[in-house]
N, C-alpha and C. Protein backbone atom coordinates (compact mmCIF):
# COMPACT_ATOMS: atom_id res chain seq x y z
N MET A 1 5.12 4.94 0.52
CA MET A 1 5.76 5.22 1.68
C MET A 1 5.23 4.35 2.78
N ALA A 2 3.99 3.80 2.51
CA ALA A 2 3.45 2.91 3.48
C ALA A 2 2.32 2.15 2.76
N GLY A 3 2.13 0.96 3.13
CA GLY A 3 1.01 -0.01 2.53
C GLY A 3 1.44 -0.62 1.28
N THR A 4 0.48 -1.21 0.63
CA THR A 4 0.66 -2.00 -0.62
C THR A 4 -0.36 -1.69 -1.64
N GLY A 5 -0.15 -2.04 -2.82
CA GLY A 5 -1.02 -1.79 -3.91
C GLY A 5 -0.51 -2.28 -5.23
N VAL A 6 -1.24 -1.98 -6.26
CA VAL A 6 -0.87 -2.44 -7.55
C VAL A 6 -1.12 -1.17 -8.52
N LEU A 7 -0.07 -0.92 -9.38
CA LEU A 7 -0.12 0.19 -10.27
C LEU A 7 -0.10 -0.49 -11.67
N THR A 8 -1.05 -0.16 -12.52
CA THR A 8 -1.07 -0.58 -13.88
C THR A 8 -0.54 0.64 -14.74
N LEU A 9 0.43 0.48 -15.43
CA LEU A 9 1.12 1.59 -16.18
C LEU A 9 1.47 1.14 -17.59
N ASN A 10 0.80 1.74 -18.58
CA ASN A 10 1.13 1.20 -19.90
C ASN A 10 0.95 -0.27 -20.12
N ASP A 11 0.03 -0.79 -19.56
CA ASP A 11 -0.28 -2.38 -19.56
C ASP A 11 0.76 -3.18 -18.73
N ASP A 12 1.57 -2.59 -17.96
CA ASP A 12 2.54 -3.22 -17.10
C ASP A 12 1.96 -3.17 -15.69
N THR A 13 2.03 -4.28 -15.01
CA THR A 13 1.57 -4.32 -13.61
C THR A 13 2.78 -4.20 -12.61
N ILE A 14 2.59 -3.34 -11.75
CA ILE A 14 3.73 -3.05 -10.80
C ILE A 14 3.31 -3.18 -9.46
N GLN A 15 3.90 -4.05 -8.58
CA GLN A 15 3.49 -4.28 -7.20
C GLN A 15 4.08 -3.03 -6.41
N LEU A 16 3.32 -2.43 -5.69
CA LEU A 16 3.67 -1.22 -4.89
C LEU A 16 3.84 -1.70 -3.38
N ALA A 17 4.97 -1.22 -2.90
CA ALA A 17 5.33 -1.44 -1.46
C ALA A 17 6.29 -0.36 -1.03
N PRO A 18 6.54 -0.17 0.32
CA PRO A 18 7.50 0.86 0.63
C PRO A 18 8.95 0.58 -0.02
N GLY A 19 9.45 1.65 -0.44
CA GLY A 19 10.85 1.55 -1.09
C GLY A 19 10.70 1.45 -2.59
N ILE A 20 9.58 1.16 -3.25
CA ILE A 20 9.51 1.13 -4.71
C ILE A 20 9.43 2.51 -5.32
N PHE A 21 10.17 2.76 -6.33
CA PHE A 21 10.17 3.92 -7.12
C PHE A 21 9.70 3.75 -8.48
N VAL A 22 8.78 4.49 -8.98
CA VAL A 22 8.19 4.39 -10.34
C VAL A 22 8.38 5.69 -11.05
N PHE A 23 8.91 5.65 -12.14
CA PHE A 23 8.91 6.85 -13.04
C PHE A 23 7.72 6.66 -14.13
N MET A 24 6.92 7.70 -14.09
CA MET A 24 5.72 7.63 -15.06
C MET A 24 5.75 8.80 -15.94
N PRO A 25 5.94 8.57 -17.27
CA PRO A 25 5.83 9.61 -18.21
C PRO A 25 4.65 10.34 -18.24
N ALA A 26 4.67 11.69 -18.68
CA ALA A 26 3.47 12.55 -18.73
C ALA A 26 2.44 11.81 -19.71
N ASN A 27 1.18 11.88 -19.25
CA ASN A 27 0.07 11.33 -20.07
C ASN A 27 0.04 9.87 -20.23
N ALA A 28 0.93 9.13 -19.49
CA ALA A 28 0.79 7.60 -19.57
C ALA A 28 -0.55 7.15 -19.00
N PRO A 29 -1.12 6.12 -19.70
CA PRO A 29 -2.37 5.56 -19.14
C PRO A 29 -2.01 4.81 -17.88
N HIS A 30 -2.80 4.90 -16.83
CA HIS A 30 -2.41 4.25 -15.50
C HIS A 30 -3.71 4.15 -14.69
N ALA A 31 -3.54 3.19 -13.76
CA ALA A 31 -4.60 2.89 -12.78
C ALA A 31 -3.94 2.41 -11.51
N LEU A 32 -4.50 2.78 -10.31
CA LEU A 32 -3.92 2.37 -9.02
C LEU A 32 -5.04 1.72 -8.24
N ALA A 33 -4.67 0.63 -7.46
CA ALA A 33 -5.59 -0.06 -6.62
C ALA A 33 -4.81 -0.43 -5.40
N ALA A 34 -5.36 0.07 -4.23
CA ALA A 34 -4.74 -0.10 -2.85
C ALA A 34 -5.13 -1.41 -2.40
N ALA A 35 -4.13 -2.22 -1.92
CA ALA A 35 -4.48 -3.48 -1.24
C ALA A 35 -4.57 -3.28 0.22
N SER A 36 -3.94 -2.22 0.74
CA SER A 36 -4.07 -1.84 2.16
C SER A 36 -4.00 -0.22 2.17
N ASN A 37 -3.99 0.25 3.41
CA ASN A 37 -3.99 1.67 3.44
C ASN A 37 -2.60 2.13 2.87
N LEU A 38 -2.72 2.82 1.62
CA LEU A 38 -1.59 3.11 0.83
C LEU A 38 -1.30 4.66 0.93
N ALA A 39 0.03 4.96 1.16
CA ALA A 39 0.36 6.44 1.19
C ALA A 39 1.68 6.47 0.37
N PHE A 40 1.69 7.43 -0.63
CA PHE A 40 2.87 7.52 -1.49
C PHE A 40 3.19 8.95 -1.76
N MET A 41 4.38 9.21 -2.29
CA MET A 41 4.73 10.66 -2.66
C MET A 41 4.71 10.79 -4.16
N LEU A 42 4.02 11.86 -4.64
CA LEU A 42 3.91 12.12 -6.05
C LEU A 42 4.71 13.40 -6.31
N THR A 43 5.72 13.32 -7.26
CA THR A 43 6.45 14.48 -7.57
C THR A 43 6.36 14.80 -8.92
N LEU A 44 5.97 16.01 -9.35
CA LEU A 44 5.78 16.36 -10.69
C LEU A 44 6.91 17.28 -11.15
N SER A 45 7.44 17.01 -12.39
CA SER A 45 8.48 17.79 -12.83
C SER A 45 8.32 18.32 -14.20
N LYS A 46 8.73 19.51 -14.50
CA LYS A 46 8.71 20.04 -15.90
C LYS A 46 9.99 19.83 -16.58
N VAL A 47 10.01 19.46 -17.81
CA VAL A 47 11.24 19.28 -18.58
C VAL A 47 11.65 20.61 -19.09
N ARG A 48 12.94 20.81 -18.85
CA ARG A 48 13.59 22.09 -19.33
C ARG A 48 14.61 21.75 -20.42
N LEU A 49 14.52 22.53 -21.45
CA LEU A 49 15.46 22.51 -22.56
C LEU A 49 16.63 23.39 -22.21
N ALA A 50 17.86 22.86 -22.52
CA ALA A 50 19.07 23.66 -22.24
C ALA A 50 19.18 24.74 -23.27
N THR A 51 19.65 25.89 -22.87
CA THR A 51 19.70 27.10 -23.77
C THR A 51 21.14 27.50 -23.86
N ARG A 52 21.51 27.90 -24.94
CA ARG A 52 22.96 28.51 -25.12
C ARG A 52 22.93 29.98 -24.96
N GLY A 53 23.99 30.45 -24.27
CA GLY A 53 23.99 31.74 -24.12
C GLY A 53 24.37 32.95 -24.02
């Protein structure tokens, strides 16, 4: 949401800046390095299976 940085996700390098959206699967290897004061939003989601009923 502010600042810049670099996210390494599953051996891919992603440049972070305002407006960038990244989907990260559960348990994916990752690392984050801020190049400037970095603020971002993290949202966690639980997968739900459809039920019949």
